[in-house]
Amino acid sequence: MDGNGRWAAGRALPRSAGHGMGVRTVKQVVEICARRGIEVLTLFAFSSENWQRPREEVSMLMNRFLEALDDEIEGLHRNGFRVRFIGNLPQLSTPLRERMEAAMTLTANNTGMTLVIAVAYGGRWDVAAAARELARRCVAGQMQIDAIDEGALDAELSLARHVPEGLADPDLLIRTGGEQRISNFLLWNLAYTELYFCDTLWPDFGERELEAAIGHFSRRQRRFGLTPGQAGAR
């Protein structure tokens, strides 16, 4: 969800104003995805690299997370959303972690769209943490080295570890703001994800832009290493 700061700068507004408008866009996109029957939406809200931003901006973003949880979680629960958080959550403040745990507990049995929010998340951190856990098991005699395969590593990554029911890898990645990179997001899980980049800054992203992204995805042939003929026969 890139472009909040540039959106604000283009209007001679403080960066906090851009983040405020970004929160509004999040609400709209969540509602649109739910109406369309999308089963899982994952939002990259705060990366492990974002800790390097100015202290006042980081503090403002953390306060916005707290406010958003307090303001929105009851509504999400009433509408059947299941909320999950992934990332290096111990880095967050105790009040924020407590709100996150409460939100996940409250919505755990809901059967509507799963909303996954990545906070203090980094793809390299995710893979390293999974490898470290497998190494720990081997040292403890709980696992043989030869048992480490793609499935074992996948099971220790955030989408499996922090989401008890487990989630499939994303089908579509949308990045706003004109940059064409994935910026350390879900590095393992995006192996065969379709990528869509648009120039629209996140505060201006709406239903038209989302439909364009979904339209792009619908025209793709997902081959997963097969030939076009093989994929078409599946």
Protein backbone atom coordinates (compact mmCIF):
# COMPACT_ATOMS: atom_id res chain seq x y z
CA MET A 1 0.00 0.00 0.00
CA ASP A 2 2.55 2.52 -1.22
CA GLY A 3 2.27 6.26 -1.73
CA ASN A 4 0.79 7.80 1.41
CA GLY A 5 3.75 10.11 1.98
CA ARG A 6 4.01 11.19 -1.65
CA TRP A 7 0.26 11.81 -1.76
CA ALA A 8 0.61 14.19 1.20
CA ALA A 9 3.75 15.88 -0.15
CA GLY A 10 2.00 16.60 -3.45
CA ARG A 11 -0.63 18.53 -1.51
CA ALA A 12 1.81 20.30 0.85
CA LEU A 13 0.36 18.30 3.75
CA PRO A 14 2.18 16.48 6.56
CA ARG A 15 2.88 12.78 6.01
CA SER A 16 0.40 11.97 8.75
CA ALA A 17 -2.39 13.31 6.53
CA GLY A 18 -1.39 10.83 3.83
CA HIS A 19 -1.46 7.96 6.30
CA GLY A 20 -4.88 9.10 7.49
CA MET A 21 -6.20 8.98 3.94
CA GLY A 22 -4.50 5.61 3.54
CA VAL A 23 -6.57 4.22 6.43
CA ARG A 24 -9.72 5.38 4.64
CA THR A 25 -8.62 3.52 1.52
CA VAL A 26 -7.98 0.37 3.55
CA LYS A 27 -11.59 0.42 4.78
CA GLN A 28 -12.92 0.87 1.26
CA VAL A 29 -10.77 -1.88 -0.25
CA VAL A 30 -11.66 -4.34 2.52
CA GLU A 31 -15.36 -3.70 1.91
CA ILE A 32 -15.01 -4.08 -1.86
CA CYS A 33 -13.07 -7.33 -1.56
CA ALA A 34 -15.65 -8.75 0.86
CA ARG A 35 -18.50 -7.87 -1.53
CA ARG A 36 -16.65 -9.60 -4.36
CA GLY A 37 -16.33 -12.80 -2.36
CA ILE A 38 -12.54 -12.69 -2.06
CA GLU A 39 -11.63 -15.19 0.64
CA VAL A 40 -8.32 -13.77 1.90
CA LEU A 41 -6.88 -10.25 1.78
CA THR A 42 -3.38 -9.62 3.13
CA LEU A 43 -2.27 -6.03 3.76
CA PHE A 44 1.39 -5.06 4.18
CA ALA A 45 0.91 -2.39 6.84
CA PHE A 46 4.40 -1.96 8.33
CA SER A 47 7.63 -3.60 7.22
CA SER A 48 10.66 -4.57 9.26
CA GLU A 49 12.54 -1.82 7.38
CA ASN A 50 9.97 0.81 8.36
CA TRP A 51 11.45 0.90 11.86
CA GLN A 52 14.23 3.01 10.31
CA ARG A 53 11.83 5.86 9.51
CA PRO A 54 11.83 9.00 11.69
CA ARG A 55 10.84 8.20 15.25
CA GLU A 56 7.86 10.55 15.21
CA GLU A 57 6.45 8.91 12.09
CA VAL A 58 6.84 5.42 13.53
CA SER A 59 5.15 6.53 16.75
CA MET A 60 2.29 8.08 14.75
CA LEU A 61 1.82 4.87 12.74
CA MET A 62 1.75 2.72 15.88
CA ASN A 63 -0.86 5.02 17.41
CA ARG A 64 -2.94 4.75 14.23
CA PHE A 65 -2.82 0.96 14.47
CA LEU A 66 -4.13 1.17 18.03
CA GLU A 67 -6.89 3.58 17.04
CA ALA A 68 -7.90 1.51 14.03
CA LEU A 69 -8.15 -1.65 16.12
CA ASP A 70 -10.25 0.11 18.74
CA ASP A 71 -12.50 1.71 16.11
CA GLU A 72 -12.92 -1.10 13.61
CA ILE A 73 -12.65 -4.49 15.27
CA GLU A 74 -16.25 -4.66 16.52
CA GLY A 75 -17.55 -3.81 13.05
CA LEU A 76 -15.28 -6.38 11.43
CA HIS A 77 -16.50 -8.96 13.92
CA ARG A 78 -20.19 -8.17 13.31
CA ASN A 79 -19.63 -8.60 9.58
CA GLY A 80 -18.00 -12.00 10.00
CA PHE A 81 -14.38 -11.10 9.23
CA ARG A 82 -11.59 -13.23 10.67
CA VAL A 83 -8.59 -11.05 11.58
CA ARG A 84 -5.02 -12.36 11.76
CA PHE A 85 -1.64 -10.63 12.23
CA ILE A 86 1.74 -11.80 10.94
CA GLY A 87 5.19 -10.42 11.59
CA ASN A 88 7.78 -10.07 14.32
CA LEU A 89 5.07 -9.16 16.79
CA PRO A 90 7.30 -9.18 19.93
CA GLN A 91 8.87 -5.97 18.56
CA LEU A 92 5.57 -4.15 19.09
CA SER A 93 4.44 -2.41 22.26
CA THR A 94 2.55 -4.42 24.86
CA PRO A 95 -0.72 -2.44 24.41
CA LEU A 96 -0.66 -3.01 20.65
CA ARG A 97 0.09 -6.74 21.00
CA GLU A 98 -2.71 -7.08 23.53
CA ARG A 99 -5.19 -5.41 21.13
CA MET A 100 -4.03 -7.71 18.34
CA GLU A 101 -4.43 -10.83 20.46
CA ALA A 102 -7.90 -9.66 21.54
CA ALA A 103 -8.89 -9.00 17.92
CA MET A 104 -7.73 -12.46 16.79
CA THR A 105 -9.51 -14.15 19.69
CA LEU A 106 -12.74 -12.22 19.10
CA THR A 107 -12.89 -13.10 15.40
CA ALA A 108 -11.36 -16.59 15.54
CA ASN A 109 -14.59 -18.48 14.80
CA ASN A 110 -15.89 -16.16 12.08
CA THR A 111 -16.34 -17.66 8.63
CA GLY A 112 -16.23 -14.60 6.39
CA MET A 113 -13.22 -13.12 4.64
CA THR A 114 -9.87 -13.59 6.38
CA LEU A 115 -8.09 -10.26 6.78
CA VAL A 116 -4.35 -10.76 7.35
CA ILE A 117 -2.37 -7.71 8.45
CA ALA A 118 1.43 -7.84 8.20
CA VAL A 119 3.05 -5.64 10.87
CA ALA A 120 6.80 -5.49 11.58
CA TYR A 121 7.05 -8.09 8.84
CA GLY A 122 9.94 -8.89 6.50
CA GLY A 123 10.24 -11.78 4.08
CA ARG A 124 13.89 -12.46 4.92
CA TRP A 125 13.10 -12.40 8.65
CA ASP A 126 10.28 -14.87 7.97
CA VAL A 127 12.50 -17.38 6.16
CA ALA A 128 15.33 -17.00 8.70
CA ALA A 129 12.95 -17.56 11.62
CA ALA A 130 11.57 -20.69 9.96
CA ALA A 131 15.08 -22.04 9.30
CA ARG A 132 16.09 -21.29 12.88
CA GLU A 133 13.12 -23.27 14.25
CA LEU A 134 13.93 -26.28 12.07
CA ALA A 135 17.58 -26.11 13.15
CA ARG A 136 16.49 -25.98 16.79
CA ARG A 137 14.42 -29.14 16.32
CA CYS A 138 17.34 -30.94 14.70
CA VAL A 139 19.70 -30.00 17.53
CA ALA A 140 17.09 -31.14 20.07
CA GLY A 141 16.76 -34.49 18.32
CA GLN A 142 13.15 -33.82 17.40
CA MET A 143 13.81 -33.84 13.66
CA GLN A 144 16.25 -35.36 11.19
CA ILE A 145 18.12 -33.07 8.79
CA ASP A 146 16.91 -35.13 5.82
CA ALA A 147 13.33 -34.31 6.82
CA ILE A 148 13.87 -30.63 6.03
CA ASP A 149 12.15 -30.02 2.71
CA GLU A 150 9.97 -27.33 1.17
CA GLY A 151 6.91 -28.52 3.07
CA ALA A 152 8.70 -28.42 6.42
CA LEU A 153 9.96 -24.89 5.83
CA ASP A 154 6.62 -23.71 4.49
CA ALA A 155 4.89 -24.93 7.64
CA GLU A 156 7.08 -22.67 9.79
CA LEU A 157 6.48 -19.48 7.82
CA SER A 158 4.15 -16.77 9.05
CA LEU A 159 1.11 -17.61 6.92
CA ALA A 160 1.11 -21.10 8.41
CA ARG A 161 2.49 -20.39 11.88
CA HIS A 162 0.50 -17.27 12.80
CA VAL A 163 -2.68 -18.36 11.02
CA PRO A 164 -3.71 -21.62 12.72
CA GLU A 165 -5.84 -22.92 9.86
CA GLY A 166 -3.05 -22.21 7.36
CA LEU A 167 -3.40 -20.19 4.18
CA ALA A 168 -2.63 -20.90 0.55
CA ASP A 169 0.00 -18.77 -1.15
CA PRO A 170 -1.38 -15.49 -2.55
CA ASP A 171 -2.81 -15.57 -6.08
CA LEU A 172 -2.34 -11.86 -6.79
CA LEU A 173 -0.02 -9.17 -5.42
CA ILE A 174 -1.04 -5.55 -6.03
CA ARG A 175 1.49 -2.78 -5.40
CA THR A 176 0.42 0.84 -5.69
CA GLY A 177 2.53 3.97 -6.07
CA GLY A 178 4.51 3.18 -9.22
CA GLU A 179 7.36 1.18 -7.70
CA GLN A 180 7.96 -2.22 -9.30
CA ARG A 181 9.42 -4.37 -6.55
CA ILE A 182 8.03 -6.56 -3.78
CA SER A 183 10.07 -4.92 -1.00
CA ASN A 184 10.77 -8.00 1.13
CA PHE A 185 7.13 -9.09 1.34
CA LEU A 186 6.25 -12.81 1.58
CA LEU A 187 9.35 -13.76 -0.42
CA TRP A 188 8.75 -17.51 -0.20
CA ASN A 189 4.98 -17.38 -0.64
CA LEU A 190 5.07 -15.17 -3.74
CA ALA A 191 6.97 -17.75 -5.83
CA TYR A 192 4.08 -18.16 -8.30
CA THR A 193 1.94 -15.16 -7.44
CA GLU A 194 0.82 -12.90 -10.28
CA LEU A 195 2.26 -9.39 -9.82
CA TYR A 196 0.37 -6.20 -10.64
CA PHE A 197 1.94 -2.74 -10.33
CA CYS A 198 0.01 0.49 -10.76
CA ASP A 199 1.02 4.16 -10.60
CA THR A 200 -1.92 5.21 -8.43
CA LEU A 201 -0.88 6.33 -4.95
CA TRP A 202 -2.57 4.33 -2.21
CA PRO A 203 -4.89 7.12 -0.93
CA ASP A 204 -6.33 7.41 -4.47
CA PHE A 205 -6.71 3.65 -4.99
CA GLY A 206 -10.35 2.62 -5.28
CA GLU A 207 -12.81 0.25 -6.89
CA ARG A 208 -11.83 1.13 -10.45
CA GLU A 209 -8.16 0.42 -9.79
CA LEU A 210 -8.97 -2.80 -7.93
CA GLU A 211 -11.15 -4.02 -10.79
CA ALA A 212 -8.31 -3.29 -13.23
CA ALA A 213 -5.95 -5.42 -11.14
CA ILE A 214 -8.42 -8.28 -10.92
CA GLY A 215 -9.05 -8.01 -14.67
CA HIS A 216 -5.31 -8.28 -15.28
CA PHE A 217 -5.20 -11.39 -13.09
CA SER A 218 -8.15 -13.01 -14.86
CA ARG A 219 -6.34 -12.78 -18.21
CA ARG A 220 -3.22 -14.53 -16.94
CA GLN A 221 -2.56 -18.21 -17.60
CA ARG A 222 -1.05 -19.62 -14.44
CA ARG A 223 1.27 -22.39 -15.60
CA PHE A 224 3.31 -23.22 -12.47
CA GLY A 225 6.21 -24.43 -14.61
CA LEU A 226 4.09 -26.29 -17.15
CA THR A 227 3.88 -25.55 -20.87
CA PRO A 228 0.90 -23.46 -22.07
CA GLY A 229 -0.66 -26.63 -23.51
CA GLN A 230 -0.28 -28.56 -20.29
CA ALA A 231 -1.69 -25.70 -18.22
CA GLY A 232 -4.65 -25.29 -20.54
CA ALA A 233 -5.52 -28.98 -20.19
CA ARG A 234 -5.68 -28.85 -16.39
